[in-house]
Amino acid sequence: MLAVARSALEKDYRVHLMAFGDDGKVQSMDISLLDPGADDERLSGWGGLTGYTSKIAETVRKAVNEAGA
């Protein structure tokens, strides 16, 4: 397993978003940075990055508030 993990970490990976453009054709966009602060919603919201982290933050906030009550 260790050899497989090392090999995986040495490789270069890319993430591509494929979506229909205004012309009805499929377009590909390299979104490997997966930047949740990007202006482009296709990049910032891919895979629910911002939504998921928001839910975690809300859960932590509630737990802290309940613990302090």
PDB file of N, CA and C in Angstrom:
ATOM      1  N   MET A   1       0.817  -1.198   0.000  1.00  0.00           N
ATOM      2  CA  MET A   1       0.000   0.000   0.000  1.00  0.00           C
ATOM      3  C   MET A   1       0.861   1.263   0.000  1.00  0.00           C
ATOM      4  N   LEU A   2       1.957   1.222   0.725  1.00  0.00           N
ATOM      5  CA  LEU A   2       2.829   2.384   0.809  1.00  0.00           C
ATOM      6  C   LEU A   2       3.385   2.752  -0.564  1.00  0.00           C
ATOM      7  N   ALA A   3       3.757   1.757  -1.349  1.00  0.00           N
ATOM      8  CA  ALA A   3       4.275   2.019  -2.697  1.00  0.00           C
ATOM      9  C   ALA A   3       3.213   2.649  -3.586  1.00  0.00           C
ATOM     10  N   VAL A   4       1.978   2.195  -3.452  1.00  0.00           N
ATOM     11  CA  VAL A   4       0.867   2.756  -4.236  1.00  0.00           C
ATOM     12  C   VAL A   4       0.629   4.211  -3.835  1.00  0.00           C
ATOM     13  N   ALA A   5       0.634   4.487  -2.541  1.00  0.00           N
ATOM     14  CA  ALA A   5       0.423   5.853  -2.052  1.00  0.00           C
ATOM     15  C   ALA A   5       1.536   6.773  -2.530  1.00  0.00           C
ATOM     16  N   ARG A   6       2.774   6.328  -2.442  1.00  0.00           N
ATOM     17  CA  ARG A   6       3.899   7.153  -2.909  1.00  0.00           C
ATOM     18  C   ARG A   6       3.780   7.446  -4.397  1.00  0.00           C
ATOM     19  N   SER A   7       3.446   6.421  -5.155  1.00  0.00           N
ATOM     20  CA  SER A   7       3.297   6.594  -6.602  1.00  0.00           C
ATOM     21  C   SER A   7       2.187   7.600  -6.925  1.00  0.00           C
ATOM     22  N   ALA A   8       1.080   7.514  -6.218  1.00  0.00           N
ATOM     23  CA  ALA A   8      -0.043   8.423  -6.450  1.00  0.00           C
ATOM     24  C   ALA A   8       0.339   9.864  -6.144  1.00  0.00           C
ATOM     25  N   LEU A   9       1.126  10.064  -5.086  1.00  0.00           N
ATOM     26  CA  LEU A   9       1.521  11.416  -4.696  1.00  0.00           C
ATOM     27  C   LEU A   9       2.533  12.035  -5.656  1.00  0.00           C
ATOM     28  N   GLU A  10       3.239  11.218  -6.407  1.00  0.00           N
ATOM     29  CA  GLU A  10       4.230  11.720  -7.354  1.00  0.00           C
ATOM     30  C   GLU A  10       3.616  12.146  -8.684  1.00  0.00           C
ATOM     31  N   LYS A  11       2.390  11.764  -8.931  1.00  0.00           N
ATOM     32  CA  LYS A  11       1.750  12.045 -10.217  1.00  0.00           C
ATOM     33  C   LYS A  11       1.146  13.444 -10.245  1.00  0.00           C
ATOM     34  N   ASP A  12       0.916  13.941 -11.446  1.00  0.00           N
ATOM     35  CA  ASP A  12       0.290  15.243 -11.655  1.00  0.00           C
ATOM     36  C   ASP A  12      -1.144  14.994 -12.103  1.00  0.00           C
ATOM     37  N   TYR A  13      -2.108  15.536 -11.372  1.00  0.00           N
ATOM     38  CA  TYR A  13      -3.515  15.320 -11.680  1.00  0.00           C
ATOM     39  C   TYR A  13      -4.168  16.618 -12.122  1.00  0.00           C
ATOM     40  N   ARG A  14      -5.186  16.505 -12.940  1.00  0.00           N
ATOM     41  CA  ARG A  14      -5.965  17.642 -13.408  1.00  0.00           C
ATOM     42  C   ARG A  14      -7.447  17.333 -13.240  1.00  0.00           C
ATOM     43  N   VAL A  15      -8.219  18.374 -12.960  1.00  0.00           N
ATOM     44  CA  VAL A  15      -9.674  18.255 -12.847  1.00  0.00           C
ATOM     45  C   VAL A  15     -10.271  19.120 -13.944  1.00  0.00           C
ATOM     46  N   HIS A  16     -11.167  18.535 -14.716  1.00  0.00           N
ATOM     47  CA  HIS A  16     -11.814  19.278 -15.803  1.00  0.00           C
ATOM     48  C   HIS A  16     -13.323  19.273 -15.592  1.00  0.00           C
ATOM     49  N   LEU A  17     -13.906  20.429 -15.743  1.00  0.00           N
ATOM     50  CA  LEU A  17     -15.352  20.579 -15.688  1.00  0.00           C
ATOM     51  C   LEU A  17     -15.858  20.522 -17.119  1.00  0.00           C
ATOM     52  N   MET A  18     -16.824  19.684 -17.364  1.00  0.00           N
ATOM     53  CA  MET A  18     -17.429  19.608 -18.692  1.00  0.00           C
ATOM     54  C   MET A  18     -18.888  20.023 -18.550  1.00  0.00           C
ATOM     55  N   ALA A  19     -19.283  21.018 -19.331  1.00  0.00           N
ATOM     56  CA  ALA A  19     -20.649  21.540 -19.248  1.00  0.00           C
ATOM     57  C   ALA A  19     -21.073  22.048 -20.618  1.00  0.00           C
ATOM     58  N   PHE A  20     -22.376  22.132 -20.814  1.00  0.00           N
ATOM     59  CA  PHE A  20     -22.897  22.659 -22.064  1.00  0.00           C
ATOM     60  C   PHE A  20     -22.739  24.177 -22.084  1.00  0.00           C
ATOM     61  N   GLY A  21     -22.226  24.707 -23.180  1.00  0.00           N
ATOM     62  CA  GLY A  21     -22.094  26.141 -23.362  1.00  0.00           C
ATOM     63  C   GLY A  21     -23.378  26.716 -23.920  1.00  0.00           C
ATOM     64  N   ASP A  22     -23.395  28.020 -24.130  1.00  0.00           N
ATOM     65  CA  ASP A  22     -24.579  28.694 -24.679  1.00  0.00           C
ATOM     66  C   ASP A  22     -24.936  28.185 -26.069  1.00  0.00           C
ATOM     67  N   ASP A  23     -23.943  27.671 -26.784  1.00  0.00           N
ATOM     68  CA  ASP A  23     -24.173  27.158 -28.130  1.00  0.00           C
ATOM     69  C   ASP A  23     -24.654  25.707 -28.140  1.00  0.00           C
ATOM     70  N   GLY A  24     -24.830  25.105 -26.957  1.00  0.00           N
ATOM     71  CA  GLY A  24     -25.311  23.739 -26.863  1.00  0.00           C
ATOM     72  C   GLY A  24     -24.216  22.696 -26.985  1.00  0.00           C
ATOM     73  N   LYS A  25     -22.985  23.130 -27.180  1.00  0.00           N
ATOM     74  CA  LYS A  25     -21.870  22.201 -27.303  1.00  0.00           C
ATOM     75  C   LYS A  25     -21.195  22.031 -25.940  1.00  0.00           C
ATOM     76  N   VAL A  26     -20.621  20.851 -25.736  1.00  0.00           N
ATOM     77  CA  VAL A  26     -19.914  20.582 -24.484  1.00  0.00           C
ATOM     78  C   VAL A  26     -18.585  21.321 -24.499  1.00  0.00           C
ATOM     79  N   GLN A  27     -18.322  22.033 -23.419  1.00  0.00           N
ATOM     80  CA  GLN A  27     -17.063  22.749 -23.267  1.00  0.00           C
ATOM     81  C   GLN A  27     -16.326  22.201 -22.056  1.00  0.00           C
ATOM     82  N   SER A  28     -15.009  22.181 -22.130  1.00  0.00           N
ATOM     83  CA  SER A  28     -14.183  21.694 -21.043  1.00  0.00           C
ATOM     84  C   SER A  28     -13.386  22.849 -20.463  1.00  0.00           C
ATOM     85  N   MET A  29     -13.278  22.867 -19.136  1.00  0.00           N
ATOM     86  CA  MET A  29     -12.536  23.928 -18.456  1.00  0.00           C
ATOM     87  C   MET A  29     -11.660  23.276 -17.380  1.00  0.00           C
ATOM     88  N   ASP A  30     -10.368  23.600 -17.385  1.00  0.00           N
ATOM     89  CA  ASP A  30      -9.455  23.070 -16.372  1.00  0.00           C
ATOM     90  C   ASP A  30      -9.725  23.816 -15.062  1.00  0.00           C
ATOM     91  N   ILE A  31     -10.203  23.080 -14.069  1.00  0.00           N
ATOM     92  CA  ILE A  31     -10.508  23.690 -12.770  1.00  0.00           C
ATOM     93  C   ILE A  31      -9.648  23.045 -11.680  1.00  0.00           C
ATOM     94  N   SER A  32      -8.452  22.658 -12.041  1.00  0.00           N
ATOM     95  CA  SER A  32      -7.569  21.935 -11.123  1.00  0.00           C
ATOM     96  C   SER A  32      -7.267  22.711  -9.849  1.00  0.00           C
ATOM     97  N   LEU A  33      -7.326  24.016  -9.897  1.00  0.00           N
ATOM     98  CA  LEU A  33      -7.039  24.808  -8.695  1.00  0.00           C
ATOM     99  C   LEU A  33      -8.133  24.667  -7.647  1.00  0.00           C
ATOM    100  N   LEU A  34      -9.362  24.361  -8.079  1.00  0.00           N
ATOM    101  CA  LEU A  34     -10.505  24.217  -7.170  1.00  0.00           C
ATOM    102  C   LEU A  34     -10.526  25.333  -6.139  1.00  0.00           C
ATOM    103  N   ASP A  35     -10.490  26.555  -6.628  1.00  0.00           N
ATOM    104  CA  ASP A  35     -10.390  27.753  -5.792  1.00  0.00           C
ATOM    105  C   ASP A  35     -11.768  28.192  -5.315  1.00  0.00           C
ATOM    106  N   PRO A  36     -12.117  27.996  -4.031  1.00  0.00           N
ATOM    107  CA  PRO A  36     -13.429  28.408  -3.541  1.00  0.00           C
ATOM    108  C   PRO A  36     -13.617  29.917  -3.514  1.00  0.00           C
ATOM    109  N   GLY A  37     -12.544  30.697  -3.700  1.00  0.00           N
ATOM    110  CA  GLY A  37     -12.638  32.146  -3.727  1.00  0.00           C
ATOM    111  C   GLY A  37     -12.710  32.713  -5.136  1.00  0.00           C
ATOM    112  N   ALA A  38     -12.769  31.846  -6.132  1.00  0.00           N
ATOM    113  CA  ALA A  38     -12.795  32.302  -7.525  1.00  0.00           C
ATOM    114  C   ALA A  38     -14.094  33.043  -7.840  1.00  0.00           C
ATOM    115  N   ASP A  39     -14.007  34.005  -8.733  1.00  0.00           N
ATOM    116  CA  ASP A  39     -15.192  34.753  -9.157  1.00  0.00           C
ATOM    117  C   ASP A  39     -16.135  33.885  -9.990  1.00  0.00           C
ATOM    118  N   ASP A  40     -15.586  32.931 -10.707  1.00  0.00           N
ATOM    119  CA  ASP A  40     -16.373  32.058 -11.576  1.00  0.00           C
ATOM    120  C   ASP A  40     -17.035  30.972 -10.727  1.00  0.00           C
ATOM    121  N   GLU A  41     -18.359  30.963 -10.654  1.00  0.00           N
ATOM    122  CA  GLU A  41     -19.111  30.012  -9.833  1.00  0.00           C
ATOM    123  C   GLU A  41     -18.826  28.565 -10.240  1.00  0.00           C
ATOM    124  N   ARG A  42     -18.527  28.346 -11.525  1.00  0.00           N
ATOM    125  CA  ARG A  42     -18.226  26.982 -11.965  1.00  0.00           C
ATOM    126  C   ARG A  42     -16.982  26.449 -11.269  1.00  0.00           C
ATOM    127  N   LEU A  43     -16.052  27.322 -10.957  1.00  0.00           N
ATOM    128  CA  LEU A  43     -14.820  26.929 -10.275  1.00  0.00           C
ATOM    129  C   LEU A  43     -15.003  26.927  -8.758  1.00  0.00           C
ATOM    130  N   SER A  44     -15.573  27.984  -8.217  1.00  0.00           N
ATOM    131  CA  SER A  44     -15.691  28.109  -6.768  1.00  0.00           C
ATOM    132  C   SER A  44     -16.709  27.145  -6.163  1.00  0.00           C
ATOM    133  N   GLY A  45     -17.730  26.802  -6.910  1.00  0.00           N
ATOM    134  CA  GLY A  45     -18.780  25.953  -6.366  1.00  0.00           C
ATOM    135  C   GLY A  45     -18.690  24.497  -6.758  1.00  0.00           C
ATOM    136  N   TRP A  46     -17.648  24.130  -7.510  1.00  0.00           N
ATOM    137  CA  TRP A  46     -17.542  22.759  -7.998  1.00  0.00           C
ATOM    138  C   TRP A  46     -17.503  21.770  -6.857  1.00  0.00           C
ATOM    139  N   GLY A  47     -18.311  20.740  -6.955  1.00  0.00           N
ATOM    140  CA  GLY A  47     -18.314  19.690  -5.959  1.00  0.00           C
ATOM    141  C   GLY A  47     -18.849  20.128  -4.613  1.00  0.00           C
ATOM    142  N   GLY A  48     -19.467  21.291  -4.548  1.00  0.00           N
ATOM    143  CA  GLY A  48     -20.028  21.764  -3.292  1.00  0.00           C
ATOM    144  C   GLY A  48     -18.985  22.244  -2.296  1.00  0.00           C
ATOM    145  N   LEU A  49     -17.827  22.665  -2.801  1.00  0.00           N
ATOM    146  CA  LEU A  49     -16.739  23.075  -1.905  1.00  0.00           C
ATOM    147  C   LEU A  49     -17.180  24.127  -0.895  1.00  0.00           C
ATOM    148  N   THR A  50     -17.764  25.212  -1.382  1.00  0.00           N
ATOM    149  CA  THR A  50     -18.135  26.285  -0.456  1.00  0.00           C
ATOM    150  C   THR A  50     -19.350  25.906   0.381  1.00  0.00           C
ATOM    151  N   GLY A  51     -20.293  25.198  -0.209  1.00  0.00           N
ATOM    152  CA  GLY A  51     -21.476  24.781   0.540  1.00  0.00           C
ATOM    153  C   GLY A  51     -21.126  23.814   1.657  1.00  0.00           C
ATOM    154  N   TYR A  52     -20.228  22.886   1.374  1.00  0.00           N
ATOM    155  CA  TYR A  52     -19.818  21.898   2.372  1.00  0.00           C
ATOM    156  C   TYR A  52     -19.082  22.567   3.525  1.00  0.00           C
ATOM    157  N   THR A  53     -18.144  23.459   3.210  1.00  0.00           N
ATOM    158  CA  THR A  53     -17.396  24.120   4.281  1.00  0.00           C
ATOM    159  C   THR A  53     -18.301  25.036   5.089  1.00  0.00           C
ATOM    160  N   SER A  54     -19.300  25.625   4.448  1.00  0.00           N
ATOM    161  CA  SER A  54     -20.255  26.458   5.182  1.00  0.00           C
ATOM    162  C   SER A  54     -21.054  25.620   6.174  1.00  0.00           C
ATOM    163  N   LYS A  55     -21.439  24.416   5.772  1.00  0.00           N
ATOM    164  CA  LYS A  55     -22.186  23.536   6.676  1.00  0.00           C
ATOM    165  C   LYS A  55     -21.328  23.126   7.863  1.00  0.00           C
ATOM    166  N   ILE A  56     -20.060  22.844   7.600  1.00  0.00           N
ATOM    167  CA  ILE A  56     -19.158  22.475   8.701  1.00  0.00           C
ATOM    168  C   ILE A  56     -19.020  23.637   9.675  1.00  0.00           C
ATOM    169  N   ALA A  57     -18.814  24.837   9.141  1.00  0.00           N
ATOM    170  CA  ALA A  57     -18.667  26.021   9.999  1.00  0.00           C
ATOM    171  C   ALA A  57     -19.921  26.244  10.826  1.00  0.00           C
ATOM    172  N   GLU A  58     -21.083  26.059  10.239  1.00  0.00           N
ATOM    173  CA  GLU A  58     -22.351  26.237  10.961  1.00  0.00           C
ATOM    174  C   GLU A  58     -22.493  25.193  12.066  1.00  0.00           C
ATOM    175  N   THR A  59     -22.113  23.962  11.784  1.00  0.00           N
ATOM    176  CA  THR A  59     -22.185  22.892  12.776  1.00  0.00           C
ATOM    177  C   THR A  59     -21.253  23.182  13.950  1.00  0.00           C
ATOM    178  N   VAL A  60     -20.050  23.622  13.662  1.00  0.00           N
ATOM    179  CA  VAL A  60     -19.087  23.962  14.721  1.00  0.00           C
ATOM    180  C   VAL A  60     -19.608  25.127  15.550  1.00  0.00           C
ATOM    181  N   ARG A  61     -20.161  26.146  14.890  1.00  0.00           N
ATOM    182  CA  ARG A  61     -20.711  27.297  15.596  1.00  0.00           C
ATOM    183  C   ARG A  61     -21.817  26.872  16.566  1.00  0.00           C
ATOM    184  N   LYS A  62     -22.726  26.014  16.093  1.00  0.00           N
ATOM    185  CA  LYS A  62     -23.819  25.551  16.939  1.00  0.00           C
ATOM    186  C   LYS A  62     -23.294  24.764  18.140  1.00  0.00           C
ATOM    187  N   ALA A  63     -22.312  23.895  17.889  1.00  0.00           N
ATOM    188  CA  ALA A  63     -21.744  23.080  18.967  1.00  0.00           C
ATOM    189  C   ALA A  63     -21.081  23.963  20.020  1.00  0.00           C
ATOM    190  N   VAL A  64     -20.359  24.989  19.577  1.00  0.00           N
ATOM    191  CA  VAL A  64     -19.687  25.892  20.514  1.00  0.00           C
ATOM    192  C   VAL A  64     -20.735  26.671  21.307  1.00  0.00           C
ATOM    193  N   ASN A  65     -21.759  27.144  20.645  1.00  0.00           N
ATOM    194  CA  ASN A  65     -22.811  27.898  21.340  1.00  0.00           C
ATOM    195  C   ASN A  65     -23.547  27.042  22.362  1.00  0.00           C
ATOM    196  N   GLU A  66     -23.834  25.796  21.994  1.00  0.00           N
ATOM    197  CA  GLU A  66     -24.543  24.887  22.915  1.00  0.00           C
ATOM    198  C   GLU A  66     -23.656  24.519  24.105  1.00  0.00           C
ATOM    199  N   ALA A  67     -22.367  24.362  23.852  1.00  0.00           N
ATOM    200  CA  ALA A  67     -21.430  24.008  24.927  1.00  0.00           C
ATOM    201  C   ALA A  67     -21.297  25.154  25.934  1.00  0.00           C
ATOM    202  N   GLY A  68     -21.432  26.393  25.437  1.00  0.00           N
ATOM    203  CA  GLY A  68     -21.296  27.554  26.301  1.00  0.00           C
ATOM    204  C   GLY A  68     -22.564  27.895  27.057  1.00  0.00           C
ATOM    205  N   ALA A  69     -23.685  27.277  26.681  1.00  0.00           N
ATOM    206  CA  ALA A  69     -24.974  27.604  27.303  1.00  0.00           C
ATOM    207  C   ALA A  69     -25.217  26.916  28.598  1.00  0.00           C
TER     208      ALA A  69
END
